[in-house]
Amino acid sequence: MPIKPGTLTAKGQETRRRIVAAAAQLMFDSGVAATTVEDVRLRAGVSNSQIYHYFADKTALVRAVIEYQTNAVIEPQEQLFIRLDTMAGLREWRDFVVGRVRELDYRGGCPIAALTHQLAEHDEAARLQLAHSFARWSAGLRSGLVAMHANGTLRPDADPEALAVTLLASLQGGLLLAQLNREAKPLEVALDSALAFVELHTVS
């Protein structure tokens, strides 16, 4: 039976992390279906027994990859979420995500969205896990908008939940078009339009 992550030694945690990181990169580059456990074993430089020491099967590994990619995408933004209580803070977040896409040369799109496209229609457990990932992302954006609402920057009739969904949806569409066109402009336009919509809800 595979060992639970919380019971691992430091060495075990590092080995498990290396396996998941290898699987995440392979699934991002080649897709979930095309990535085999053997591919992961070779990429991570571990044995079959080590793989199955931590994961019962490929499905369990995919679950770990979803968690890994969710953390990789959202955790770098958390330092910005706490400053989203002003339009300046929102623009700082916008600049961060555009800069990140430029660093990646506009390739790959959103790792969480990529997993969603591949898994949501035929793996209900994965769909629910990915929905939770996007809910966590939306909650980070919403927290700043709720603060803007509380401090009087947003009008009383503004809906922070709806505005957070608008920002996240604009980000996802912009990421897809930036990936297709290999340029930042579509993402910049999508986010700037979303921020302009938020600003329409601010107190003049």
Protein backbone atom coordinates (compact mmCIF):
# COMPACT_ATOMS: atom_id res chain seq x y z
CA MET A 1 0.00 0.00 0.00
CA PRO A 2 1.40 3.45 -0.93
CA ILE A 3 2.64 5.63 1.91
CA LYS A 4 0.65 8.76 2.78
CA PRO A 5 2.59 12.02 2.14
CA GLY A 6 2.23 13.18 5.75
CA THR A 7 4.09 10.16 7.08
CA LEU A 8 7.18 10.50 4.87
CA THR A 9 10.71 11.20 5.99
CA ALA A 10 12.48 14.23 4.53
CA LYS A 11 14.22 11.95 2.02
CA GLY A 12 10.91 10.32 1.15
CA GLN A 13 9.25 13.69 0.67
CA GLU A 14 12.01 14.75 -1.71
CA THR A 15 11.74 11.53 -3.72
CA ARG A 16 7.97 11.88 -3.96
CA ARG A 17 8.32 15.54 -4.95
CA ARG A 18 10.79 14.59 -7.69
CA ILE A 19 8.41 11.98 -9.07
CA VAL A 20 5.47 14.38 -9.10
CA ALA A 21 7.53 17.17 -10.66
CA ALA A 22 8.69 14.82 -13.42
CA ALA A 23 5.14 13.65 -14.05
CA ALA A 24 3.84 17.23 -14.10
CA GLN A 25 6.39 18.32 -16.69
CA LEU A 26 5.78 15.29 -18.89
CA MET A 27 2.00 15.70 -18.73
CA PHE A 28 2.34 19.42 -19.46
CA ASP A 29 4.61 18.77 -22.46
CA SER A 30 3.02 15.61 -23.90
CA GLY A 31 -0.41 15.26 -22.30
CA VAL A 32 -1.78 13.01 -19.59
CA ALA A 33 -2.77 10.15 -21.90
CA ALA A 34 0.62 10.04 -23.63
CA THR A 35 2.57 10.00 -20.35
CA THR A 36 3.25 6.54 -18.95
CA VAL A 37 4.45 5.54 -15.51
CA GLU A 38 7.61 4.27 -17.22
CA ASP A 39 8.15 7.73 -18.74
CA VAL A 40 7.88 9.25 -15.27
CA ARG A 41 10.23 6.66 -13.78
CA LEU A 42 12.90 7.45 -16.35
CA ARG A 43 12.46 11.22 -16.08
CA ALA A 44 12.60 11.15 -12.27
CA GLY A 45 15.48 8.68 -12.15
CA VAL A 46 13.73 6.29 -9.77
CA SER A 47 12.78 2.61 -9.74
CA ASN A 48 9.35 1.08 -10.32
CA SER A 49 9.23 0.06 -6.68
CA GLN A 50 9.78 3.69 -5.65
CA ILE A 51 6.97 4.88 -7.91
CA TYR A 52 4.52 2.38 -6.44
CA HIS A 53 5.82 3.02 -2.96
CA TYR A 54 4.23 6.49 -3.20
CA PHE A 55 1.44 6.01 -5.76
CA ALA A 56 -1.00 3.14 -6.21
CA ASP A 57 -1.35 3.75 -9.94
CA LYS A 58 -1.26 6.43 -12.63
CA THR A 59 -4.58 7.83 -11.45
CA ALA A 60 -3.11 8.58 -8.04
CA LEU A 61 -0.14 10.22 -9.74
CA VAL A 62 -2.46 12.41 -11.81
CA ARG A 63 -4.19 13.56 -8.62
CA ALA A 64 -0.80 14.55 -7.21
CA VAL A 65 0.06 16.40 -10.43
CA ILE A 66 -3.16 18.43 -10.19
CA GLU A 67 -2.22 19.46 -6.66
CA TYR A 68 1.36 20.21 -7.73
CA GLN A 69 0.33 22.38 -10.69
CA THR A 70 -2.31 24.17 -8.63
CA ASN A 71 0.27 25.13 -6.03
CA ALA A 72 2.81 26.09 -8.70
CA VAL A 73 0.34 28.46 -10.35
CA ILE A 74 -1.41 29.97 -7.33
CA GLU A 75 1.22 30.17 -4.59
CA PRO A 76 3.41 32.76 -6.43
CA GLN A 77 0.30 34.97 -6.72
CA GLU A 78 -0.65 34.77 -3.03
CA GLN A 79 1.74 37.57 -2.12
CA LEU A 80 -0.20 39.74 -4.57
CA PHE A 81 -3.68 38.66 -3.45
CA ILE A 82 -3.21 40.48 -0.14
CA ARG A 83 -2.62 43.73 -2.06
CA LEU A 84 -5.63 43.53 -4.35
CA ASP A 85 -7.60 46.02 -2.28
CA THR A 86 -6.83 48.86 -4.72
CA MET A 87 -6.85 49.27 -8.48
CA ALA A 88 -3.06 49.68 -8.26
CA GLY A 89 -2.84 46.29 -6.58
CA LEU A 90 -4.97 44.72 -9.30
CA ARG A 91 -2.73 46.22 -11.97
CA GLU A 92 0.33 44.84 -10.16
CA TRP A 93 -1.25 41.38 -10.33
CA ARG A 94 -2.00 41.92 -14.02
CA ASP A 95 1.63 42.84 -14.71
CA PHE A 96 2.83 39.79 -12.79
CA VAL A 97 0.81 37.27 -14.81
CA VAL A 98 1.70 38.93 -18.12
CA GLY A 99 5.37 38.88 -17.15
CA ARG A 100 5.14 35.22 -16.21
CA VAL A 101 3.70 34.34 -19.63
CA ARG A 102 6.51 36.26 -21.31
CA GLU A 103 9.07 34.30 -19.27
CA LEU A 104 7.54 31.06 -20.61
CA ASP A 105 7.70 32.41 -24.18
CA TYR A 106 3.88 32.16 -24.40
CA ARG A 107 4.02 28.35 -24.50
CA GLY A 108 1.86 25.83 -22.71
CA GLY A 109 -0.98 28.07 -21.55
CA CYS A 110 -2.34 27.56 -18.05
CA PRO A 111 -1.24 24.21 -16.55
CA ILE A 112 -4.48 23.87 -14.58
CA ALA A 113 -6.60 24.60 -17.65
CA ALA A 114 -4.54 22.15 -19.71
CA LEU A 115 -5.35 19.39 -17.22
CA THR A 116 -8.99 20.44 -17.22
CA HIS A 117 -9.25 20.09 -21.01
CA GLN A 118 -7.80 16.59 -20.83
CA LEU A 119 -9.57 15.20 -17.77
CA ALA A 120 -12.84 16.94 -16.99
CA GLU A 121 -15.05 15.02 -19.43
CA HIS A 122 -14.02 11.50 -18.47
CA ASP A 123 -12.68 11.67 -14.90
CA GLU A 124 -15.24 13.03 -12.45
CA ALA A 125 -12.90 12.99 -9.46
CA ALA A 126 -10.30 14.95 -11.43
CA ARG A 127 -12.97 17.41 -12.59
CA LEU A 128 -14.00 18.10 -9.00
CA GLN A 129 -10.38 18.50 -7.91
CA LEU A 130 -9.70 20.92 -10.75
CA ALA A 131 -12.90 22.84 -9.97
CA HIS A 132 -11.55 23.23 -6.44
CA SER A 133 -8.27 24.52 -7.90
CA PHE A 134 -10.06 27.22 -9.85
CA ALA A 135 -12.24 28.02 -6.82
CA ARG A 136 -9.07 28.55 -4.79
CA TRP A 137 -7.72 30.89 -7.48
CA SER A 138 -11.00 32.79 -7.67
CA ALA A 139 -11.08 33.08 -3.88
CA GLY A 140 -7.67 34.75 -3.90
CA LEU A 141 -8.92 37.36 -6.35
CA ARG A 142 -12.21 37.73 -4.51
CA SER A 143 -10.48 38.43 -1.21
CA GLY A 144 -8.99 41.62 -2.61
CA LEU A 145 -12.26 42.69 -4.18
CA VAL A 146 -14.09 42.05 -0.92
CA ALA A 147 -11.53 44.31 0.79
CA MET A 148 -12.11 46.97 -1.89
CA HIS A 149 -15.83 46.68 -1.21
CA ALA A 150 -15.29 46.98 2.55
CA ASN A 151 -12.99 50.01 2.30
CA GLY A 152 -15.42 51.88 0.08
CA THR A 153 -13.41 51.67 -3.16
CA LEU A 154 -16.11 49.58 -4.81
CA ARG A 155 -19.70 50.78 -4.98
CA PRO A 156 -22.12 49.18 -2.50
CA ASP A 157 -23.94 47.39 -5.35
CA ALA A 158 -20.73 45.83 -6.75
CA ASP A 159 -20.49 42.03 -6.52
CA PRO A 160 -16.93 40.91 -5.60
CA GLU A 161 -17.74 37.31 -6.49
CA ALA A 162 -18.89 38.21 -10.01
CA LEU A 163 -15.92 40.53 -10.52
CA ALA A 164 -13.49 37.79 -9.43
CA VAL A 165 -15.04 35.39 -11.95
CA THR A 166 -14.73 38.08 -14.62
CA LEU A 167 -11.01 38.49 -13.88
CA LEU A 168 -10.32 34.76 -13.86
CA ALA A 169 -12.31 34.08 -17.03
CA SER A 170 -10.56 36.96 -18.81
CA LEU A 171 -7.21 35.61 -17.67
CA GLN A 172 -7.97 32.12 -18.98
CA GLY A 173 -9.17 33.36 -22.35
CA GLY A 174 -6.19 35.68 -22.64
CA LEU A 175 -3.77 32.88 -21.78
CA LEU A 176 -5.23 30.67 -24.49
CA LEU A 177 -4.97 33.36 -27.16
CA ALA A 178 -1.47 34.33 -26.04
CA GLN A 179 -0.46 30.67 -26.40
CA LEU A 180 -1.97 30.43 -29.88
CA ASN A 181 -0.51 33.71 -31.12
CA ARG A 182 2.81 33.52 -29.23
CA GLU A 183 2.45 37.09 -28.02
CA ALA A 184 1.26 38.91 -24.91
CA LYS A 185 -1.17 41.30 -26.61
CA PRO A 186 -4.32 39.13 -26.33
CA LEU A 187 -3.69 38.56 -22.63
CA GLU A 188 -3.00 42.24 -22.04
CA VAL A 189 -6.20 43.25 -23.84
CA ALA A 190 -8.30 40.68 -21.95
CA LEU A 191 -6.96 41.69 -18.54
CA ASP A 192 -7.06 45.42 -19.24
CA SER A 193 -10.70 45.09 -20.35
CA ALA A 194 -11.52 43.15 -17.17
CA LEU A 195 -9.80 45.75 -14.99
CA ALA A 196 -11.66 48.53 -16.79
CA PHE A 197 -14.89 46.69 -15.98
CA VAL A 198 -13.88 46.49 -12.31
CA GLU A 199 -13.05 50.19 -12.35
CA LEU A 200 -16.55 50.97 -13.60
CA HIS A 201 -17.75 49.60 -10.27
CA THR A 202 -15.52 51.90 -8.18
CA VAL A 203 -16.71 54.99 -6.40
CA SER A 204 -15.99 58.10 -8.48
